Protein backbone atom coordinates (compact mmCIF):
# COMPACT_ATOMS: atom_id res chain seq x y z
CA MET A 1 0.00 0.00 0.00
CA ARG A 2 1.40 3.38 -0.93
CA VAL A 3 0.94 6.11 1.67
CA VAL A 4 1.67 9.78 1.12
CA THR A 5 2.30 11.99 4.15
CA TRP A 6 3.28 15.62 4.50
CA GLU A 7 6.50 16.11 6.44
CA ASN A 8 8.47 19.33 6.82
CA GLY A 9 6.62 20.92 3.94
CA GLN A 10 7.21 18.04 1.53
CA ALA A 11 5.21 15.06 0.38
CA VAL A 12 6.80 11.79 1.48
CA VAL A 13 5.77 8.56 -0.24
CA ARG A 14 6.14 5.26 1.60
CA ASP A 15 5.21 1.73 0.65
CA ILE A 16 3.67 -0.10 3.59
CA PRO A 17 3.62 -3.86 3.18
CA LEU A 18 0.27 -5.38 4.00
CA GLY A 19 1.62 -8.54 5.53
CA PRO A 20 -0.48 -11.30 6.93
CA ILE A 21 -2.39 -10.62 10.13
CA THR A 22 -3.86 -13.04 12.62
CA ARG A 23 -7.56 -13.72 12.73
CA ARG A 24 -7.61 -12.16 16.20
CA GLN A 25 -5.98 -8.95 14.95
CA GLY A 26 -8.46 -8.66 12.08
CA ARG A 27 -11.49 -9.32 14.24
CA ALA A 28 -10.27 -6.85 16.87
CA VAL A 29 -10.10 -4.09 14.26
CA LEU A 30 -13.39 -5.04 12.59
CA GLY A 31 -15.26 -4.88 15.89
CA GLU A 32 -18.19 -6.75 17.35
CA ASP A 33 -20.88 -5.73 14.83
CA ALA A 34 -18.91 -6.78 11.75
CA CYS A 35 -17.77 -9.98 13.45
CA ASN A 36 -21.39 -10.83 14.29
CA ILE A 37 -22.26 -10.43 10.60
CA ILE A 38 -19.35 -12.68 9.59
CA ASP A 39 -20.33 -15.30 12.15
CA ALA A 40 -23.97 -15.21 10.97
CA LEU A 41 -22.84 -15.76 7.37
CA LYS A 42 -21.67 -19.23 8.32
CA GLN A 43 -25.33 -20.23 8.70
CA ASP A 44 -26.21 -19.17 5.13
CA PRO A 45 -26.81 -22.38 3.13
CA TYR A 46 -25.81 -20.58 -0.07
CA LEU A 47 -22.40 -19.55 1.24
CA PRO A 48 -19.77 -21.62 -0.57
CA TRP A 49 -18.15 -24.30 1.55
CA ALA A 50 -14.65 -22.83 1.03
CA MET A 51 -15.79 -19.48 2.40
CA ARG A 52 -17.44 -21.11 5.41
CA ASP A 53 -14.24 -23.05 6.04
CA ALA A 54 -12.15 -19.88 5.75
CA ILE A 55 -14.38 -18.10 8.28
CA ASP A 56 -14.17 -21.03 10.68
CA SER A 57 -10.56 -22.07 10.43
CA ALA A 58 -8.29 -19.43 8.91
CA THR A 59 -5.83 -18.39 11.61
CA VAL A 60 -3.95 -16.00 9.32
CA TRP A 61 -5.49 -13.49 6.93
CA HIS A 62 -3.64 -12.49 3.74
CA ARG A 63 -4.59 -9.24 2.02
CA ASP A 64 -4.35 -10.80 -1.43
CA SER A 65 -6.65 -13.69 -0.52
CA PRO A 66 -9.85 -14.01 -2.56
CA GLU A 67 -11.69 -14.80 0.67
CA ILE A 68 -10.67 -11.42 2.12
CA ASP A 69 -12.00 -9.69 -0.99
CA GLU A 70 -15.25 -11.63 -0.70
CA LEU A 71 -15.60 -10.83 3.01
CA ALA A 72 -14.97 -7.18 2.22
CA TRP A 73 -17.74 -7.23 -0.36
CA LEU A 74 -20.14 -8.98 2.06
CA LEU A 75 -19.39 -6.32 4.69
CA GLY A 76 -19.69 -3.43 2.23
CA LEU A 77 -16.01 -2.48 2.54
CA ASP A 78 -13.90 -1.26 -0.36
CA GLY A 79 -10.22 -1.89 -1.10
CA PRO A 80 -8.85 1.15 0.76
CA GLN A 81 -10.94 0.25 3.82
CA ILE A 82 -9.55 -3.29 3.83
CA ASP A 83 -6.03 -1.91 3.37
CA ALA A 84 -6.63 0.33 6.39
CA LEU A 85 -7.91 -2.66 8.36
CA PHE A 86 -4.65 -4.51 7.67
CA VAL A 87 -2.54 -1.49 8.60
CA ALA A 88 -4.44 -1.06 11.88
CA ALA A 89 -4.31 -4.79 12.64
CA MET A 90 -0.56 -4.91 12.02
CA ALA A 91 -0.16 -2.29 14.77
CA ILE A 92 -1.81 -4.53 17.37
């Protein structure tokens, strides 16, 4: 993720790697309401088995995972919001 900040009157560009985060870190940043939605999704009979398995058993979340993109869509989050989630989770 490329971040631009303003320091000493100049724009500074930094690349921040969006490394893997733990499930606990991600859920902590998402908060209770979003986690309740994710947990309720597991009961949806139309949810693909692979997604249900990812929700149940993934201990590490990778930003480039298709499941993360699908979860983002289900939660109404866009790419920059998911990037921000990973940045915040990496700080925990």
